Amino acid sequence: MGGISIDDDWEFTSSSSNEVRTIVLVGRTGYGKSATGNTILGRKVFKSRASSSGVSITCELGTAELDDGLLVNVIDTPGLFDLSSGEYGPEYVRKEIIKCMDLAKDGIHAVILVLSVRTRFTEEQETILKTLQSLFGSKIVDYMIVVFTGGDDLEETEESLEDYLGRECPKALEEILGLCENRVVLFDNKTKDEGKRSGQVQELLSFVNIVLSQNGGRPYTNELFELFTELKKRAKELHKQQRKFDSLKEEYSEEAILEFEKQMQQTYDDQLKRITEMVESKLSEVTMKLKQQLDEEQAARLEAEEKAMLAQRRSDEEIRRLRENLEKAHEELRKQSEGRCAIL
């Protein structure tokens, strides 16, 4: 299955007494996830594909302390849950999902689905939500907030987000907004106005607080996260015990120390294997369902195109026959007219 690296310095709570909010950015590549993360953090932490050839293709964590002392952790995912793009293979996605959980040290307080007003909402974007639900459970939508990037474009046309959604909101998007109870924010990631940037971030964080309140103040968790937390506890305990034995080597035989370390390592490995197998199973299930869905949609589109082409051919044939009949009728009228002229 391949090894998975998990940071040894992982902690279960922040070392600071400050409140913490950890949010995960998801969405298609090129829609402004990294730029949105930078706007939230108030500085450039993540590289944007549009602006740098050195853009990262792995989950990254950026942290900032706001003026009120709130610690904000932002996890940027590189199109991780957009399985429909085929950009990343299952092995890569599996490792990155585990890395994402590893970076979410305090749990996930909100999932930000990043969309763009510059691009029409498509069925491929809808699959991102389906992938999230399949991997992390249907309850993940209770923690979801939608951010639309491209606020500067709407400002130029003097449109509000409500105006945009009034003319560009297909049924699938309406359903997503309904699932997240219309928690939606417009971001202008190009603004140089600090007041405007701060206002956008505060609006987003107010939705994060609403999400937390509606979920009993608890960050999102499910079986995968619980197993992962237990794994981290095992790893931490293993390191503690190793340090303890290192300091008490004179009281224990080398054989006893090696046996204990072997047992602890085996427990850790077994837990890691369970998590890996769960992620692989979920990912395989999601990939199969997505492939089936895309195949069905493609078949439906091809069938619709064939029907349209057949209808067009029938229409063209009907028009041709009507034109021929009309020409024949004109020809008969012409002959009749010539015959009357000859008699006269």
Protein backbone atom coordinates (compact mmCIF):
# COMPACT_ATOMS: atom_id res chain seq x y z
CA MET A 1 0.00 0.00 0.00
CA GLY A 2 2.95 2.29 0.42
CA GLY A 3 4.08 4.20 3.46
CA ILE A 4 2.40 7.34 4.71
CA SER A 5 4.37 9.99 6.53
CA ILE A 6 2.71 11.53 9.57
CA ASP A 7 4.40 14.40 11.33
CA ASP A 8 5.90 13.45 14.68
CA ASP A 9 5.26 16.92 16.11
CA TRP A 10 1.51 16.55 15.80
CA GLU A 11 -0.38 17.89 18.82
CA PHE A 12 -4.03 17.44 19.75
CA THR A 13 -4.71 21.01 20.80
CA SER A 14 -3.09 24.29 20.01
CA SER A 15 -0.15 25.18 22.21
CA SER A 16 -1.65 28.64 22.49
CA SER A 17 -4.60 29.55 24.69
CA ASN A 18 -6.17 31.37 21.72
CA GLU A 19 -9.29 30.09 20.02
CA VAL A 20 -8.59 28.23 16.80
CA ARG A 21 -10.55 27.91 13.58
CA THR A 22 -9.37 25.41 10.97
CA ILE A 23 -10.92 25.65 7.52
CA VAL A 24 -10.32 23.51 4.43
CA LEU A 25 -10.53 24.98 0.93
CA VAL A 26 -11.90 22.69 -1.78
CA GLY A 27 -12.82 23.26 -5.40
CA ARG A 28 -11.56 22.94 -8.94
CA THR A 29 -8.07 24.04 -9.88
CA GLY A 30 -7.98 27.60 -11.19
CA TYR A 31 -11.03 28.87 -9.32
CA GLY A 32 -9.06 30.88 -6.76
CA LYS A 33 -8.61 28.55 -3.76
CA SER A 34 -5.04 29.63 -3.07
CA ALA A 35 -5.84 33.32 -3.57
CA THR A 36 -8.81 32.95 -1.21
CA GLY A 37 -6.54 31.36 1.38
CA ASN A 38 -4.14 34.27 1.06
CA THR A 39 -6.98 36.76 1.49
CA ILE A 40 -8.12 35.02 4.68
CA LEU A 41 -4.59 34.94 6.10
CA GLY A 42 -3.84 38.52 5.09
CA ARG A 43 -0.60 37.65 3.34
CA LYS A 44 0.69 35.53 0.47
CA VAL A 45 1.22 32.00 1.78
CA PHE A 46 -0.10 29.82 -1.03
CA LYS A 47 1.10 29.98 -4.62
CA SER A 48 -1.54 30.42 -7.27
CA ARG A 49 -1.35 28.34 -10.44
CA ALA A 50 -2.29 31.42 -12.40
CA SER A 51 0.67 33.35 -11.03
CA SER A 52 3.43 30.82 -10.49
CA SER A 53 4.89 27.81 -12.22
CA GLY A 54 6.16 26.67 -8.82
CA VAL A 55 2.65 26.06 -7.49
CA SER A 56 2.39 23.26 -4.95
CA ILE A 57 0.46 20.12 -5.83
CA THR A 58 0.09 18.99 -2.23
CA CYS A 59 -2.06 20.02 0.72
CA GLU A 60 -0.58 23.01 2.52
CA LEU A 61 -1.30 24.73 5.84
CA GLY A 62 -1.14 28.47 6.48
CA THR A 63 -1.79 30.10 9.86
CA ALA A 64 -2.51 33.65 10.96
CA GLU A 65 -3.44 35.33 14.23
CA LEU A 66 -6.14 37.95 13.74
CA ASP A 67 -6.41 41.23 15.63
CA ASP A 68 -8.85 39.72 18.12
CA GLY A 69 -6.40 36.91 18.91
CA LEU A 70 -8.24 34.24 16.89
CA LEU A 71 -5.88 31.72 15.29
CA VAL A 72 -6.98 30.79 11.77
CA ASN A 73 -5.59 27.69 10.09
CA VAL A 74 -6.23 27.43 6.35
CA ILE A 75 -5.64 24.15 4.51
CA ASP A 76 -5.33 24.55 0.75
CA THR A 77 -6.10 21.41 -1.28
CA PRO A 78 -4.89 21.28 -4.92
CA GLY A 79 -8.09 20.17 -6.63
CA LEU A 80 -7.92 17.13 -4.35
CA PHE A 81 -11.63 16.27 -4.35
CA ASP A 82 -12.19 16.97 -8.05
CA LEU A 83 -11.87 13.35 -9.12
CA SER A 84 -13.71 14.08 -12.37
CA SER A 85 -10.70 16.00 -13.72
CA GLY A 86 -8.53 12.87 -13.71
CA GLU A 87 -5.60 15.13 -12.77
CA TYR A 88 -4.55 13.03 -9.76
CA GLY A 89 -4.36 9.26 -9.36
CA PRO A 90 -5.97 7.28 -6.50
CA GLU A 91 -2.65 6.68 -4.71
CA TYR A 92 -1.87 10.40 -4.66
CA VAL A 93 -5.39 11.31 -3.52
CA ARG A 94 -5.29 8.71 -0.72
CA LYS A 95 -2.05 10.11 0.67
CA GLU A 96 -3.24 13.69 0.38
CA ILE A 97 -6.52 12.96 2.19
CA ILE A 98 -4.54 11.54 5.11
CA LYS A 99 -2.20 14.54 4.97
CA CYS A 100 -5.23 16.84 5.04
CA MET A 101 -6.47 15.11 8.21
CA ASP A 102 -2.98 15.37 9.67
CA LEU A 103 -2.89 19.12 9.03
CA ALA A 104 -6.31 19.58 10.65
CA LYS A 105 -4.83 19.34 14.13
CA ASP A 106 -7.84 20.86 15.89
CA GLY A 107 -10.47 19.24 13.67
CA ILE A 108 -12.22 20.86 10.71
CA HIS A 109 -14.38 23.81 11.71
CA ALA A 110 -15.56 24.59 8.17
CA VAL A 111 -15.20 23.37 4.60
CA ILE A 112 -15.07 26.18 2.05
CA LEU A 113 -16.28 25.26 -1.44
CA VAL A 114 -14.62 27.79 -3.75
CA LEU A 115 -16.50 28.68 -6.96
CA SER A 116 -15.97 31.52 -9.42
CA VAL A 117 -18.37 34.02 -10.94
CA ARG A 118 -16.11 33.96 -14.00
CA THR A 119 -16.99 30.36 -14.81
CA ARG A 120 -20.40 28.80 -15.27
CA PHE A 121 -21.27 26.12 -12.71
CA THR A 122 -20.97 22.65 -14.24
CA GLU A 123 -21.78 19.07 -13.37
CA GLU A 124 -18.06 18.46 -12.80
CA GLN A 125 -18.12 20.98 -9.95
CA GLU A 126 -21.11 19.18 -8.48
CA THR A 127 -19.03 15.99 -8.25
CA ILE A 128 -16.69 17.69 -5.76
CA LEU A 129 -19.51 17.79 -3.21
CA LYS A 130 -20.44 14.20 -3.96
CA THR A 131 -16.83 13.16 -3.44
CA LEU A 132 -16.66 14.98 -0.10
CA GLN A 133 -19.89 13.36 1.07
CA SER A 134 -18.76 9.91 -0.02
CA LEU A 135 -15.40 10.20 1.76
CA PHE A 136 -16.41 12.06 4.90
CA GLY A 137 -20.15 11.38 5.22
CA SER A 138 -23.26 13.35 4.32
CA LYS A 139 -22.96 15.48 7.48
CA ILE A 140 -19.98 17.30 5.97
CA VAL A 141 -22.44 19.72 4.31
CA ASP A 142 -23.41 20.96 7.78
CA TYR A 143 -19.93 22.50 7.92
CA MET A 144 -19.87 23.83 4.36
CA ILE A 145 -19.70 27.46 3.25
CA VAL A 146 -19.59 28.61 -0.39
CA VAL A 147 -17.18 31.36 -1.46
CA PHE A 148 -17.50 32.90 -4.91
CA THR A 149 -14.31 34.49 -6.22
CA GLY A 150 -14.24 37.21 -8.87
CA GLY A 151 -15.92 39.91 -6.81
CA ASP A 152 -13.92 42.49 -8.78
CA ASP A 153 -15.66 41.38 -11.99
CA LEU A 154 -19.11 41.91 -10.49
CA GLU A 155 -18.01 45.27 -9.12
CA GLU A 156 -17.03 46.39 -12.62
CA THR A 157 -20.49 45.50 -13.93
CA GLU A 158 -22.14 46.98 -10.80
CA GLU A 159 -23.73 43.64 -9.97
CA SER A 160 -24.29 42.12 -6.54
CA LEU A 161 -23.87 38.42 -5.78
CA GLU A 162 -27.65 38.21 -5.57
CA ASP A 163 -27.92 39.66 -9.08
CA TYR A 164 -25.40 37.12 -10.36
CA LEU A 165 -27.14 34.16 -8.73
CA GLY A 166 -30.44 35.44 -10.08
CA ARG A 167 -29.23 34.93 -13.65
CA GLU A 168 -26.54 32.24 -13.24
CA CYS A 169 -27.89 29.66 -10.80
CA PRO A 170 -28.63 26.25 -12.32
CA LYS A 171 -30.64 23.74 -10.33
CA ALA A 172 -27.57 21.81 -9.11
CA LEU A 173 -26.07 25.01 -7.66
CA GLU A 174 -29.38 25.93 -6.05
CA GLU A 175 -29.39 22.54 -4.35
CA ILE A 176 -25.84 23.02 -3.03
CA LEU A 177 -26.67 26.48 -1.67
CA GLY A 178 -29.77 25.00 -0.07
CA LEU A 179 -27.77 22.21 1.58
CA CYS A 180 -25.45 24.74 3.19
CA GLU A 181 -28.40 27.00 4.14
CA ASN A 182 -27.26 29.76 1.78
CA ARG A 183 -24.01 30.37 3.63
CA VAL A 184 -22.35 32.18 0.74
CA VAL A 185 -19.74 34.96 0.58
CA LEU A 186 -18.35 36.97 -2.33
CA PHE A 187 -14.55 37.47 -2.33
CA ASP A 188 -12.51 40.00 -4.26
CA ASN A 189 -9.03 38.53 -3.94
CA LYS A 190 -7.47 41.39 -5.96
CA THR A 191 -8.54 44.24 -3.72
CA LYS A 192 -5.88 46.45 -2.18
CA ASP A 193 -8.43 47.92 0.23
CA GLU A 194 -7.59 46.44 3.63
CA GLY A 195 -11.00 47.38 5.00
CA LYS A 196 -12.73 45.51 2.19
CA ARG A 197 -10.47 42.46 2.61
CA SER A 198 -11.04 42.40 6.36
CA GLY A 199 -14.80 42.75 5.86
CA GLN A 200 -14.88 39.73 3.54
CA VAL A 201 -12.90 37.65 6.04
CA GLN A 202 -15.10 38.69 8.97
CA GLU A 203 -18.24 37.78 7.01
CA LEU A 204 -16.74 34.35 6.29
CA LEU A 205 -15.68 33.80 9.91
CA SER A 206 -19.13 34.80 11.12
CA PHE A 207 -20.51 31.92 9.02
CA VAL A 208 -17.84 29.63 10.53
CA ASN A 209 -19.06 30.58 14.00
CA ILE A 210 -22.67 29.94 12.95
CA VAL A 211 -21.64 26.51 11.66
CA LEU A 212 -19.92 25.73 14.95
CA SER A 213 -22.89 26.93 16.98
CA GLN A 214 -25.30 24.81 14.95
CA ASN A 215 -23.07 21.77 15.51
CA GLY A 216 -22.75 22.11 19.26
CA GLY A 217 -19.43 23.94 19.12
CA ARG A 218 -17.68 20.79 17.91
CA PRO A 219 -15.43 20.56 14.84
CA TYR A 220 -16.31 18.01 12.20
CA THR A 221 -15.34 14.43 12.83
CA ASN A 222 -16.25 10.98 11.56
CA GLU A 223 -14.89 7.45 11.79
CA LEU A 224 -11.84 8.30 9.68
CA PHE A 225 -10.95 11.26 11.88
CA GLU A 226 -11.53 9.29 15.06
CA LEU A 227 -9.25 6.51 13.87
CA PHE A 228 -6.68 9.04 12.83
CA THR A 229 -6.83 10.76 16.22
CA GLU A 230 -6.37 7.42 17.93
CA LEU A 231 -3.43 6.73 15.66
CA LYS A 232 -1.80 10.00 16.65
CA LYS A 233 -2.34 9.19 20.32
CA ARG A 234 -0.66 5.83 19.78
CA ALA A 235 2.26 7.51 18.03
CA LYS A 236 2.59 10.04 20.84
CA GLU A 237 2.42 7.32 23.47
CA LEU A 238 5.01 5.30 21.58
CA HIS A 239 7.42 8.23 21.60
CA LYS A 240 6.80 8.87 25.30
CA GLN A 241 7.44 5.26 26.18
CA GLN A 242 10.58 5.18 24.07
CA ARG A 243 11.91 8.23 25.90
CA LYS A 244 10.96 6.64 29.21
CA PHE A 245 12.80 3.43 28.42
CA ASP A 246 15.79 5.39 27.19
CA SER A 247 16.03 7.00 30.63
CA LEU A 248 15.51 3.69 32.47
CA LYS A 249 17.67 1.38 30.42
CA GLU A 250 19.48 0.18 33.53
CA GLU A 251 16.21 -1.12 35.06
CA TYR A 252 15.05 -3.08 32.00
CA SER A 253 16.76 -5.64 29.89
CA GLU A 254 17.45 -4.82 26.28
CA GLU A 255 15.19 -7.71 25.28
CA ALA A 256 12.27 -6.30 27.31
CA ILE A 257 12.72 -2.86 25.78
CA LEU A 258 12.84 -4.25 22.25
CA GLU A 259 9.73 -6.37 22.86
CA PHE A 260 7.77 -3.42 24.20
CA GLU A 261 8.83 -1.20 21.32
CA LYS A 262 7.85 -3.96 18.90
CA GLN A 263 4.37 -4.21 20.46
CA MET A 264 3.83 -0.44 20.38
CA GLN A 265 5.03 -0.22 16.79
CA GLN A 266 2.75 -3.10 15.78
CA THR A 267 -0.25 -1.34 17.35
CA TYR A 268 0.65 1.84 15.50
CA ASP A 269 1.11 0.00 12.20
CA ASP A 270 -2.20 -1.85 12.59
CA GLN A 271 -4.04 1.43 13.21
CA LEU A 272 -2.38 3.07 10.23
CA LYS A 273 -3.30 0.09 8.08
CA ARG A 274 -6.96 0.37 9.12
CA ILE A 275 -7.06 4.05 8.19
CA THR A 276 -5.30 3.43 4.90
CA GLU A 277 -7.69 0.60 4.00
CA MET A 278 -10.71 2.75 4.89
CA VAL A 279 -9.50 5.62 2.74
CA GLU A 280 -8.69 3.26 -0.14
CA SER A 281 -12.08 1.58 0.13
CA LYS A 282 -13.91 4.90 0.23
CA LEU A 283 -11.83 6.29 -2.61
CA SER A 284 -12.39 3.19 -4.73
CA GLU A 285 -16.13 3.40 -4.09
CA VAL A 286 -16.23 7.10 -4.96
CA THR A 287 -14.13 6.61 -8.09
CA MET A 288 -16.31 3.76 -9.33
CA LYS A 289 -19.52 5.69 -8.68
CA LEU A 290 -18.10 8.79 -10.33
CA LYS A 291 -16.93 6.84 -13.38
CA GLN A 292 -20.33 5.20 -13.66
CA GLN A 293 -22.04 8.56 -13.32
CA LEU A 294 -19.80 10.21 -15.89
CA ASP A 295 -20.27 7.26 -18.28
CA GLU A 296 -24.05 7.48 -17.88
CA GLU A 297 -23.99 11.25 -18.39
CA GLN A 298 -21.80 10.87 -21.47
CA ALA A 299 -24.10 8.17 -22.85
CA ALA A 300 -27.09 10.41 -22.16
CA ARG A 301 -25.40 13.34 -23.92
CA LEU A 302 -24.52 11.16 -26.92
CA GLU A 303 -28.08 9.86 -27.09
CA ALA A 304 -29.43 13.40 -26.87
CA GLU A 305 -27.01 14.53 -29.60
CA GLU A 306 -28.02 11.60 -31.82
CA LYS A 307 -31.71 12.40 -31.30
CA ALA A 308 -31.03 16.05 -32.07
CA MET A 309 -29.11 15.13 -35.21
CA LEU A 310 -31.89 12.75 -36.28
CA ALA A 311 -34.49 15.42 -35.65
CA GLN A 312 -32.40 17.89 -37.63
CA ARG A 313 -32.07 15.45 -40.54
CA ARG A 314 -35.83 14.85 -40.48
CA SER A 315 -36.42 18.58 -40.38
CA ASP A 316 -34.00 19.16 -43.27
CA GLU A 317 -35.67 16.37 -45.25
CA GLU A 318 -39.12 17.82 -44.59
CA ILE A 319 -37.94 21.27 -45.64
CA ARG A 320 -36.42 19.77 -48.81
CA ARG A 321 -39.69 18.01 -49.66
CA LEU A 322 -41.70 21.17 -49.01
CA ARG A 323 -39.32 23.16 -51.20
CA GLU A 324 -39.62 20.57 -53.99
CA ASN A 325 -43.40 20.55 -53.74
CA LEU A 326 -43.44 24.33 -53.79
CA GLU A 327 -41.22 24.41 -56.88
CA LYS A 328 -43.46 21.85 -58.57
CA ALA A 329 -46.51 23.92 -57.74
CA HIS A 330 -44.81 27.03 -59.16
CA GLU A 331 -43.87 25.11 -62.28
CA GLU A 332 -47.43 23.87 -62.79
CA LEU A 333 -48.80 27.39 -62.32
CA ARG A 334 -46.26 28.68 -64.84
CA LYS A 335 -47.27 26.02 -67.39
CA GLN A 336 -50.97 26.72 -66.84
CA SER A 337 -50.31 30.42 -67.29
CA GLU A 338 -48.39 29.82 -70.52
CA GLY A 339 -51.22 27.58 -71.81
CA ARG A 340 -53.83 30.28 -71.23
CA CYS A 341 -51.63 32.83 -72.99
CA ALA A 342 -51.29 30.51 -76.03
CA ILE A 343 -55.08 30.09 -76.33
CA LEU A 344 -55.55 33.83 -76.24
